[in-house]
């Protein structure tokens, strides 16, 4: 049975790393091994803490989401409709992978720490390239808008490309936020635009994935939380939710103003430690 302090620590790890470009799935696997957590029931725990971070995203972006929906249901092709359509376009690659190839991809990558290390190196490379090839951060956190700027700061092609990057993030250690943000910056999307788009575009896929996992758990032969405990699930949920609130707001500020290469150094350091000790 998972101890309450293990659940709290794992929840905080999930909440922080879901938004920081360092891979939440990879860090959950690493801390699961470090803490000696039993694998029994860990899938239920993972589903629970992921759902908590989704809720924290909804809280942070609630006003934005509300305005988007209000504009969308005016049934006109306005800025809000354009933005939502581009989010839907970004979901096409991950939807295809999720419906047709998810099991094959997960089986291909497996859940070994070596796989996590390799994917962390790939994440680091993407983050470095985003600083080299992407638009540089400014002191104000904004960049000048050119005359050729796409509506809402991102084109349909860029949205689809970012979606392709998200579809690869099923691999443990390949950061979902890191992959999407870095790809967007490399494709020429401005930082303040990418900071918001990258978090909003993952809401529906993550919610859908978590609902499917919850459905599997409900119709499964074992009760939810078996091997973990209701208290551990509740503590993990709370830890992930409040850590997610902090990390989401922090990451928005970081993408707008700071270089992502610092996170690349962290990913490389963790990968090296895994290669040495795993």
C-alpha atoms as a PDB file:
ATOM      1  CA  UNK A   1       0.000   0.000   0.000  1.00  0.00           C
ATOM      2  CA  UNK A   2       1.351   3.425  -0.954  1.00  0.00           C
ATOM      3  CA  UNK A   3       2.273   5.650   2.006  1.00  0.00           C
ATOM      4  CA  UNK A   4       0.708   9.117   2.237  1.00  0.00           C
ATOM      5  CA  UNK A   5       4.068  10.886   1.958  1.00  0.00           C
ATOM      6  CA  UNK A   6       4.940   8.898  -1.178  1.00  0.00           C
ATOM      7  CA  UNK A   7       1.614   9.908  -2.703  1.00  0.00           C
ATOM      8  CA  UNK A   8       2.185  13.563  -1.804  1.00  0.00           C
ATOM      9  CA  UNK A   9       5.696  13.608  -3.257  1.00  0.00           C
ATOM     10  CA  UNK A  10       4.637  11.836  -6.451  1.00  0.00           C
ATOM     11  CA  UNK A  11       1.667  14.198  -6.814  1.00  0.00           C
ATOM     12  CA  UNK A  12       3.915  17.251  -6.480  1.00  0.00           C
ATOM     13  CA  UNK A  13       6.363  15.751  -8.984  1.00  0.00           C
ATOM     14  CA  UNK A  14       3.507  15.231 -11.461  1.00  0.00           C
ATOM     15  CA  UNK A  15       2.111  18.728 -10.927  1.00  0.00           C
ATOM     16  CA  UNK A  16       5.466  20.413 -11.477  1.00  0.00           C
ATOM     17  CA  UNK A  17       6.735  18.322 -14.381  1.00  0.00           C
ATOM     18  CA  UNK A  18       3.456  18.262 -16.347  1.00  0.00           C
ATOM     19  CA  UNK A  19       4.020  21.899 -17.305  1.00  0.00           C
ATOM     20  CA  UNK A  20       7.793  22.261 -17.053  1.00  0.00           C
ATOM     21  CA  UNK A  21       9.510  20.852 -20.175  1.00  0.00           C
ATOM     22  CA  UNK A  22      11.103  17.877 -18.394  1.00  0.00           C
ATOM     23  CA  UNK A  23       8.500  15.051 -18.880  1.00  0.00           C
ATOM     24  CA  UNK A  24       6.002  14.180 -16.164  1.00  0.00           C
ATOM     25  CA  UNK A  25       5.701  10.513 -17.214  1.00  0.00           C
ATOM     26  CA  UNK A  26       9.471  10.096 -17.115  1.00  0.00           C
ATOM     27  CA  UNK A  27       9.778  11.695 -13.682  1.00  0.00           C
ATOM     28  CA  UNK A  28       6.925   9.614 -12.269  1.00  0.00           C
ATOM     29  CA  UNK A  29       8.764   6.487 -13.388  1.00  0.00           C
ATOM     30  CA  UNK A  30      12.043   7.738 -11.903  1.00  0.00           C
ATOM     31  CA  UNK A  31      10.524   8.653  -8.531  1.00  0.00           C
ATOM     32  CA  UNK A  32       8.486   5.451  -8.473  1.00  0.00           C
ATOM     33  CA  UNK A  33      11.750   3.500  -8.612  1.00  0.00           C
ATOM     34  CA  UNK A  34      13.544   5.780  -6.139  1.00  0.00           C
ATOM     35  CA  UNK A  35      10.736   5.545  -3.576  1.00  0.00           C
ATOM     36  CA  UNK A  36      10.248   1.818  -4.069  1.00  0.00           C
ATOM     37  CA  UNK A  37       6.540   2.206  -4.829  1.00  0.00           C
ATOM     38  CA  UNK A  38       4.725  -1.028  -5.685  1.00  0.00           C
ATOM     39  CA  UNK A  39       3.523  -1.204  -9.283  1.00  0.00           C
ATOM     40  CA  UNK A  40       0.139  -2.593  -8.172  1.00  0.00           C
ATOM     41  CA  UNK A  41      -2.490   0.084  -8.625  1.00  0.00           C
ATOM     42  CA  UNK A  42       0.037   2.653  -9.858  1.00  0.00           C
ATOM     43  CA  UNK A  43      -1.903   3.123 -13.106  1.00  0.00           C
ATOM     44  CA  UNK A  44      -4.914   4.325 -11.101  1.00  0.00           C
ATOM     45  CA  UNK A  45      -2.660   6.750  -9.243  1.00  0.00           C
ATOM     46  CA  UNK A  46      -1.161   8.034 -12.492  1.00  0.00           C
ATOM     47  CA  UNK A  47      -4.633   8.635 -13.957  1.00  0.00           C
ATOM     48  CA  UNK A  48      -5.678  10.487 -10.809  1.00  0.00           C
ATOM     49  CA  UNK A  49      -2.722  12.886 -10.667  1.00  0.00           C
ATOM     50  CA  UNK A  50      -2.882  13.553 -14.415  1.00  0.00           C
ATOM     51  CA  UNK A  51      -6.540  14.492 -14.046  1.00  0.00           C
ATOM     52  CA  UNK A  52      -5.566  16.862 -11.221  1.00  0.00           C
ATOM     53  CA  UNK A  53      -3.131  18.736 -13.473  1.00  0.00           C
ATOM     54  CA  UNK A  54      -5.804  19.026 -16.163  1.00  0.00           C
ATOM     55  CA  UNK A  55      -8.071  20.693 -13.621  1.00  0.00           C
ATOM     56  CA  UNK A  56      -5.294  23.087 -12.626  1.00  0.00           C
ATOM     57  CA  UNK A  57      -4.920  24.067 -16.291  1.00  0.00           C
ATOM     58  CA  UNK A  58      -8.653  24.746 -16.497  1.00  0.00           C
ATOM     59  CA  UNK A  59      -8.424  26.991 -13.429  1.00  0.00           C
ATOM     60  CA  UNK A  60      -5.464  28.994 -14.762  1.00  0.00           C
ATOM     61  CA  UNK A  61      -6.996  29.479 -18.228  1.00  0.00           C
ATOM     62  CA  UNK A  62     -10.666  29.594 -17.234  1.00  0.00           C
ATOM     63  CA  UNK A  63     -11.236  33.191 -18.366  1.00  0.00           C
ATOM     64  CA  UNK A  64      -9.513  32.491 -21.692  1.00  0.00           C
ATOM     65  CA  UNK A  65     -11.509  29.290 -22.230  1.00  0.00           C
ATOM     66  CA  UNK A  66     -14.776  31.045 -21.333  1.00  0.00           C
ATOM     67  CA  UNK A  67     -14.129  33.851 -23.831  1.00  0.00           C
ATOM     68  CA  UNK A  68     -13.173  31.363 -26.546  1.00  0.00           C
ATOM     69  CA  UNK A  69     -16.391  29.406 -26.066  1.00  0.00           C
ATOM     70  CA  UNK A  70     -18.516  32.575 -25.990  1.00  0.00           C
ATOM     71  CA  UNK A  71     -17.001  33.725 -29.269  1.00  0.00           C
ATOM     72  CA  UNK A  72     -17.239  30.262 -30.826  1.00  0.00           C
ATOM     73  CA  UNK A  73     -20.965  29.932 -30.103  1.00  0.00           C
ATOM     74  CA  UNK A  74     -21.692  33.180 -31.891  1.00  0.00           C
ATOM     75  CA  UNK A  75     -21.357  30.923 -34.955  1.00  0.00           C
ATOM     76  CA  UNK A  76     -19.203  33.394 -36.851  1.00  0.00           C
ATOM     77  CA  UNK A  77     -15.652  32.968 -38.100  1.00  0.00           C
ATOM     78  CA  UNK A  78     -14.172  35.375 -35.580  1.00  0.00           C
ATOM     79  CA  UNK A  79     -10.862  35.241 -33.707  1.00  0.00           C
ATOM     80  CA  UNK A  80     -12.254  32.808 -31.153  1.00  0.00           C
ATOM     81  CA  UNK A  81     -13.550  30.418 -33.813  1.00  0.00           C
ATOM     82  CA  UNK A  82     -10.238  30.643 -35.659  1.00  0.00           C
ATOM     83  CA  UNK A  83      -8.322  29.808 -32.462  1.00  0.00           C
ATOM     84  CA  UNK A  84     -10.512  26.830 -31.579  1.00  0.00           C
ATOM     85  CA  UNK A  85     -10.304  25.484 -35.147  1.00  0.00           C
ATOM     86  CA  UNK A  86      -6.513  25.620 -34.964  1.00  0.00           C
ATOM     87  CA  UNK A  87      -6.598  23.759 -31.642  1.00  0.00           C
ATOM     88  CA  UNK A  88      -8.751  21.104 -33.317  1.00  0.00           C
ATOM     89  CA  UNK A  89      -6.258  20.869 -36.185  1.00  0.00           C
ATOM     90  CA  UNK A  90      -3.428  20.390 -33.684  1.00  0.00           C
ATOM     91  CA  UNK A  91      -5.355  17.423 -32.221  1.00  0.00           C
ATOM     92  CA  UNK A  92      -5.487  15.466 -35.494  1.00  0.00           C
ATOM     93  CA  UNK A  93      -2.041  13.775 -35.206  1.00  0.00           C
ATOM     94  CA  UNK A  94      -2.442  12.750 -31.560  1.00  0.00           C
ATOM     95  CA  UNK A  95      -5.982  11.507 -32.256  1.00  0.00           C
ATOM     96  CA  UNK A  96      -4.700   9.275 -35.074  1.00  0.00           C
ATOM     97  CA  UNK A  97      -1.936   7.903 -32.866  1.00  0.00           C
ATOM     98  CA  UNK A  98      -4.307   7.439 -29.933  1.00  0.00           C
ATOM     99  CA  UNK A  99      -6.964   5.573 -31.901  1.00  0.00           C
ATOM    100  CA  UNK A 100      -4.792   3.434 -34.167  1.00  0.00           C
ATOM    101  CA  UNK A 101      -1.222   3.185 -32.871  1.00  0.00           C
ATOM    102  CA  UNK A 102      -1.163   3.948 -29.102  1.00  0.00           C
ATOM    103  CA  UNK A 103      -0.655   0.357 -27.956  1.00  0.00           C
ATOM    104  CA  UNK A 104       2.002  -0.281 -30.590  1.00  0.00           C
ATOM    105  CA  UNK A 105       3.892   2.895 -29.744  1.00  0.00           C
ATOM    106  CA  UNK A 106       3.763   2.193 -25.999  1.00  0.00           C
ATOM    107  CA  UNK A 107       4.942  -1.370 -26.613  1.00  0.00           C
ATOM    108  CA  UNK A 108       7.753  -0.080 -28.821  1.00  0.00           C
ATOM    109  CA  UNK A 109       9.059   2.343 -26.224  1.00  0.00           C
ATOM    110  CA  UNK A 110       8.321   0.238 -23.149  1.00  0.00           C
ATOM    111  CA  UNK A 111       8.676   1.634 -19.646  1.00  0.00           C
ATOM    112  CA  UNK A 112      12.370   1.186 -18.912  1.00  0.00           C
ATOM    113  CA  UNK A 113      14.447   3.969 -17.379  1.00  0.00           C
ATOM    114  CA  UNK A 114      16.864   3.672 -20.297  1.00  0.00           C
ATOM    115  CA  UNK A 115      14.042   4.702 -22.622  1.00  0.00           C
ATOM    116  CA  UNK A 116      13.309   7.637 -20.323  1.00  0.00           C
ATOM    117  CA  UNK A 117      16.963   8.723 -20.495  1.00  0.00           C
ATOM    118  CA  UNK A 118      17.076   8.590 -24.298  1.00  0.00           C
ATOM    119  CA  UNK A 119      13.849  10.594 -24.590  1.00  0.00           C
ATOM    120  CA  UNK A 120      15.127  13.168 -22.083  1.00  0.00           C
ATOM    121  CA  UNK A 121      18.144  13.694 -24.352  1.00  0.00           C
ATOM    122  CA  UNK A 122      15.776  14.229 -27.306  1.00  0.00           C
ATOM    123  CA  UNK A 123      13.791  16.721 -25.219  1.00  0.00           C
ATOM    124  CA  UNK A 124      17.014  18.570 -24.374  1.00  0.00           C
ATOM    125  CA  UNK A 125      17.979  18.801 -28.056  1.00  0.00           C
ATOM    126  CA  UNK A 126      14.559  20.235 -28.948  1.00  0.00           C
ATOM    127  CA  UNK A 127      14.781  22.840 -26.187  1.00  0.00           C
ATOM    128  CA  UNK A 128      18.244  23.963 -27.291  1.00  0.00           C
ATOM    129  CA  UNK A 129      17.121  24.191 -30.927  1.00  0.00           C
ATOM    130  CA  UNK A 130      14.117  26.295 -29.882  1.00  0.00           C
ATOM    131  CA  UNK A 131      16.455  28.850 -28.308  1.00  0.00           C
ATOM    132  CA  UNK A 132      18.740  28.850 -31.356  1.00  0.00           C
ATOM    133  CA  UNK A 133      16.143  28.851 -34.125  1.00  0.00           C
ATOM    134  CA  UNK A 134      13.097  30.314 -32.376  1.00  0.00           C
ATOM    135  CA  UNK A 135      12.283  33.961 -31.814  1.00  0.00           C
ATOM    136  CA  UNK A 136      14.387  35.344 -28.994  1.00  0.00           C
ATOM    137  CA  UNK A 137      12.766  36.421 -25.726  1.00  0.00           C
ATOM    138  CA  UNK A 138      12.673  40.136 -25.013  1.00  0.00           C
ATOM    139  CA  UNK A 139      12.885  41.990 -21.735  1.00  0.00           C
ATOM    140  CA  UNK A 140       9.179  42.762 -21.915  1.00  0.00           C
ATOM    141  CA  UNK A 141       8.297  39.171 -22.772  1.00  0.00           C
ATOM    142  CA  UNK A 142       6.762  40.200 -26.106  1.00  0.00           C
ATOM    143  CA  UNK A 143       8.070  40.390 -29.620  1.00  0.00           C
ATOM    144  CA  UNK A 144       7.191  42.934 -32.286  1.00  0.00           C
ATOM    145  CA  UNK A 145       4.326  41.885 -34.558  1.00  0.00           C
ATOM    146  CA  UNK A 146       5.182  41.790 -38.248  1.00  0.00           C
ATOM    147  CA  UNK A 147       2.833  42.572 -41.070  1.00  0.00           C
ATOM    148  CA  UNK A 148       2.772  38.901 -42.082  1.00  0.00           C
ATOM    149  CA  UNK A 149       1.647  37.729 -38.622  1.00  0.00           C
ATOM    150  CA  UNK A 150      -0.927  34.962 -38.810  1.00  0.00           C
ATOM    151  CA  UNK A 151      -4.349  35.382 -37.247  1.00  0.00           C
ATOM    152  CA  UNK A 152      -4.041  34.690 -33.495  1.00  0.00           C
ATOM    153  CA  UNK A 153      -0.281  34.477 -34.010  1.00  0.00           C
ATOM    154  CA  UNK A 154      -0.291  30.921 -35.381  1.00  0.00           C
ATOM    155  CA  UNK A 155      -1.174  29.387 -38.751  1.00  0.00           C
ATOM    156  CA  UNK A 156      -3.013  26.141 -39.431  1.00  0.00           C
ATOM    157  CA  UNK A 157       0.214  24.609 -40.685  1.00  0.00           C
ATOM    158  CA  UNK A 158       2.086  25.575 -37.524  1.00  0.00           C
ATOM    159  CA  UNK A 159      -0.766  24.236 -35.388  1.00  0.00           C
ATOM    160  CA  UNK A 160      -0.645  20.894 -37.211  1.00  0.00           C
ATOM    161  CA  UNK A 161       3.148  20.711 -36.864  1.00  0.00           C
ATOM    162  CA  UNK A 162       2.891  21.312 -33.131  1.00  0.00           C
ATOM    163  CA  UNK A 163       0.265  18.575 -33.014  1.00  0.00           C
ATOM    164  CA  UNK A 164       2.675  16.173 -34.691  1.00  0.00           C
ATOM    165  CA  UNK A 165       5.203  16.931 -31.960  1.00  0.00           C
ATOM    166  CA  UNK A 166       2.568  16.195 -29.320  1.00  0.00           C
ATOM    167  CA  UNK A 167       1.790  12.825 -30.891  1.00  0.00           C
ATOM    168  CA  UNK A 168       5.366  11.666 -30.230  1.00  0.00           C
ATOM    169  CA  UNK A 169       5.147  12.637 -26.546  1.00  0.00           C
ATOM    170  CA  UNK A 170       3.542   9.290 -25.669  1.00  0.00           C
ATOM    171  CA  UNK A 171       7.113   8.102 -25.141  1.00  0.00           C
ATOM    172  CA  UNK A 172       8.117   8.317 -21.448  1.00  0.00           C
ATOM    173  CA  UNK A 173      10.760  11.002 -21.033  1.00  0.00           C
ATOM    174  CA  UNK A 174       9.698  12.996 -24.086  1.00  0.00           C
ATOM    175  CA  UNK A 175       8.094  16.078 -22.563  1.00  0.00           C
ATOM    176  CA  UNK A 176       4.669  16.976 -23.946  1.00  0.00           C
ATOM    177  CA  UNK A 177       5.000  20.669 -23.067  1.00  0.00           C
ATOM    178  CA  UNK A 178       8.670  20.755 -24.076  1.00  0.00           C
ATOM    179  CA  UNK A 179       8.001  19.121 -27.444  1.00  0.00           C
ATOM    180  CA  UNK A 180       5.049  21.318 -28.363  1.00  0.00           C
ATOM    181  CA  UNK A 181       6.548  24.602 -27.168  1.00  0.00           C
ATOM    182  CA  UNK A 182       9.934  23.940 -28.766  1.00  0.00           C
ATOM    183  CA  UNK A 183       8.385  22.873 -32.079  1.00  0.00           C
ATOM    184  CA  UNK A 184       6.176  25.949 -32.143  1.00  0.00           C
ATOM    185  CA  UNK A 185       9.095  28.278 -31.474  1.00  0.00           C
ATOM    186  CA  UNK A 186      11.218  26.561 -34.141  1.00  0.00           C
ATOM    187  CA  UNK A 187       8.305  26.932 -36.592  1.00  0.00           C
ATOM    188  CA  UNK A 188       8.276  30.675 -35.953  1.00  0.00           C
ATOM    189  CA  UNK A 189       5.400  31.121 -33.498  1.00  0.00           C
ATOM    190  CA  UNK A 190       5.953  33.979 -31.061  1.00  0.00           C
ATOM    191  CA  UNK A 191       6.712  32.988 -27.473  1.00  0.00           C
ATOM    192  CA  UNK A 192       3.705  34.550 -25.780  1.00  0.00           C
ATOM    193  CA  UNK A 193       1.403  32.915 -28.341  1.00  0.00           C
ATOM    194  CA  UNK A 194       3.006  29.485 -27.928  1.00  0.00           C
ATOM    195  CA  UNK A 195       2.925  29.671 -24.131  1.00  0.00           C
ATOM    196  CA  UNK A 196      -0.879  29.706 -24.142  1.00  0.00           C
ATOM    197  CA  UNK A 197      -1.552  27.555 -27.203  1.00  0.00           C
ATOM    198  CA  UNK A 198       0.640  24.691 -26.009  1.00  0.00           C
ATOM    199  CA  UNK A 199      -1.312  24.315 -22.764  1.00  0.00           C
ATOM    200  CA  UNK A 200      -4.781  24.745 -24.257  1.00  0.00           C
ATOM    201  CA  UNK A 201      -4.163  22.306 -27.125  1.00  0.00           C
ATOM    202  CA  UNK A 202      -3.505  19.399 -24.766  1.00  0.00           C
ATOM    203  CA  UNK A 203      -6.649  19.795 -22.648  1.00  0.00           C
ATOM    204  CA  UNK A 204      -9.042  17.768 -24.813  1.00  0.00           C
ATOM    205  CA  UNK A 205      -6.577  14.923 -25.618  1.00  0.00           C
ATOM    206  CA  UNK A 206      -5.555  14.574 -21.964  1.00  0.00           C
ATOM    207  CA  UNK A 207      -9.164  14.739 -20.758  1.00  0.00           C
ATOM    208  CA  UNK A 208     -10.138  12.122 -23.320  1.00  0.00           C
ATOM    209  CA  UNK A 209      -7.252   9.863 -22.363  1.00  0.00           C
ATOM    210  CA  UNK A 210      -7.995  10.173 -18.656  1.00  0.00           C
ATOM    211  CA  UNK A 211     -11.705   9.467 -19.194  1.00  0.00           C
ATOM    212  CA  UNK A 212     -10.850   6.321 -21.148  1.00  0.00           C
ATOM    213  CA  UNK A 213      -8.456   5.178 -18.423  1.00  0.00           C
ATOM    214  CA  UNK A 214     -11.090   5.865 -15.767  1.00  0.00           C
ATOM    215  CA  UNK A 215     -13.650   3.907 -17.788  1.00  0.00           C
ATOM    216  CA  UNK A 216     -11.253   0.967 -18.051  1.00  0.00           C
ATOM    217  CA  UNK A 217     -10.692   1.110 -14.308  1.00  0.00           C
ATOM    218  CA  UNK A 218     -14.433   1.255 -13.593  1.00  0.00           C
ATOM    219  CA  UNK A 219     -15.303  -1.727 -15.801  1.00  0.00           C
ATOM    220  CA  UNK A 220     -12.183  -3.662 -14.758  1.00  0.00           C
ATOM    221  CA  UNK A 221     -12.129  -6.566 -12.388  1.00  0.00           C
ATOM    222  CA  UNK A 222     -10.280  -4.695  -9.642  1.00  0.00           C
ATOM    223  CA  UNK A 223     -11.715  -1.706  -7.744  1.00  0.00           C
ATOM    224  CA  UNK A 224     -10.179   1.715  -8.334  1.00  0.00           C
ATOM    225  CA  UNK A 225      -7.269   2.415  -6.029  1.00  0.00           C
ATOM    226  CA  UNK A 226      -6.559  -1.247  -5.248  1.00  0.00           C
ATOM    227  CA  UNK A 227      -2.952  -1.407  -4.031  1.00  0.00           C
ATOM    228  CA  UNK A 228      -2.778   2.360  -3.556  1.00  0.00           C
ATOM    229  CA  UNK A 229      -5.553   3.340  -1.168  1.00  0.00           C
ATOM    230  CA  UNK A 230      -8.201   6.068  -1.249  1.00  0.00           C
ATOM    231  CA  UNK A 231      -6.197   8.329   1.087  1.00  0.00           C
ATOM    232  CA  UNK A 232      -3.115   8.102  -1.134  1.00  0.00           C
ATOM    233  CA  UNK A 233      -5.199   8.914  -4.212  1.00  0.00           C
ATOM    234  CA  UNK A 234      -6.725  11.957  -2.487  1.00  0.00           C
ATOM    235  CA  UNK A 235      -3.358  13.247  -1.225  1.00  0.00           C
ATOM    236  CA  UNK A 236      -1.722  12.667  -4.609  1.00  0.00           C
ATOM    237  CA  UNK A 237      -4.569  14.502  -6.331  1.00  0.00           C
ATOM    238  CA  UNK A 238      -4.233  17.514  -4.014  1.00  0.00           C
ATOM    239  CA  UNK A 239      -0.449  17.625  -4.382  1.00  0.00           C
ATOM    240  CA  UNK A 240      -0.647  17.458  -8.181  1.00  0.00           C
ATOM    241  CA  UNK A 241      -3.413  20.074  -8.386  1.00  0.00           C
ATOM    242  CA  UNK A 242      -1.712  22.772  -6.286  1.00  0.00           C
ATOM    243  CA  UNK A 243       1.743  22.089  -7.722  1.00  0.00           C
ATOM    244  CA  UNK A 244       0.179  22.268 -11.176  1.00  0.00           C
ATOM    245  CA  UNK A 245      -1.332  25.688 -10.462  1.00  0.00           C
ATOM    246  CA  UNK A 246       2.115  27.014  -9.580  1.00  0.00           C
ATOM    247  CA  UNK A 247       3.967  25.294 -12.431  1.00  0.00           C
ATOM    248  CA  UNK A 248       1.464  26.326 -15.104  1.00  0.00           C
ATOM    249  CA  UNK A 249       1.714  30.019 -14.209  1.00  0.00           C
ATOM    250  CA  UNK A 250       5.494  29.786 -13.850  1.00  0.00           C
ATOM    251  CA  UNK A 251       5.935  28.094 -17.230  1.00  0.00           C
ATOM    252  CA  UNK A 252       3.903  30.769 -19.009  1.00  0.00           C
ATOM    253  CA  UNK A 253       6.265  33.422 -17.637  1.00  0.00           C
ATOM    254  CA  UNK A 254       9.339  31.321 -18.435  1.00  0.00           C
ATOM    255  CA  UNK A 255       8.379  30.709 -22.070  1.00  0.00           C
ATOM    256  CA  UNK A 256       7.715  34.416 -22.588  1.00  0.00           C
ATOM    257  CA  UNK A 257      10.942  35.738 -21.082  1.00  0.00           C
ATOM    258  CA  UNK A 258      13.566  33.071 -20.434  1.00  0.00           C
ATOM    259  CA  UNK A 259      15.713  30.669 -22.402  1.00  0.00           C
ATOM    260  CA  UNK A 260      14.646  27.030 -22.374  1.00  0.00           C
ATOM    261  CA  UNK A 261      18.230  25.759 -22.592  1.00  0.00           C
ATOM    262  CA  UNK A 262      18.424  25.706 -18.782  1.00  0.00           C
ATOM    263  CA  UNK A 263      15.819  22.961 -18.778  1.00  0.00           C
ATOM    264  CA  UNK A 264      17.823  21.200 -21.468  1.00  0.00           C
ATOM    265  CA  UNK A 265      20.805  21.066 -19.113  1.00  0.00           C
ATOM    266  CA  UNK A 266      18.597  19.570 -16.417  1.00  0.00           C
ATOM    267  CA  UNK A 267      17.238  16.922 -18.809  1.00  0.00           C
ATOM    268  CA  UNK A 268      20.763  15.993 -19.878  1.00  0.00           C
ATOM    269  CA  UNK A 269      21.948  15.766 -16.258  1.00  0.00           C
ATOM    270  CA  UNK A 270      19.065  13.438 -15.322  1.00  0.00           C
ATOM    271  CA  UNK A 271      19.678  11.330 -18.430  1.00  0.00           C
ATOM    272  CA  UNK A 272      23.362  10.948 -17.562  1.00  0.00           C
ATOM    273  CA  UNK A 273      22.510   9.871 -14.011  1.00  0.00           C
ATOM    274  CA  UNK A 274      20.098   7.266 -15.345  1.00  0.00           C
ATOM    275  CA  UNK A 275      22.692   5.916 -17.770  1.00  0.00           C
ATOM    276  CA  UNK A 276      25.206   5.634 -14.949  1.00  0.00           C
ATOM    277  CA  UNK A 277      23.081   4.188 -12.165  1.00  0.00           C
ATOM    278  CA  UNK A 278      20.120   2.463 -13.857  1.00  0.00           C
END
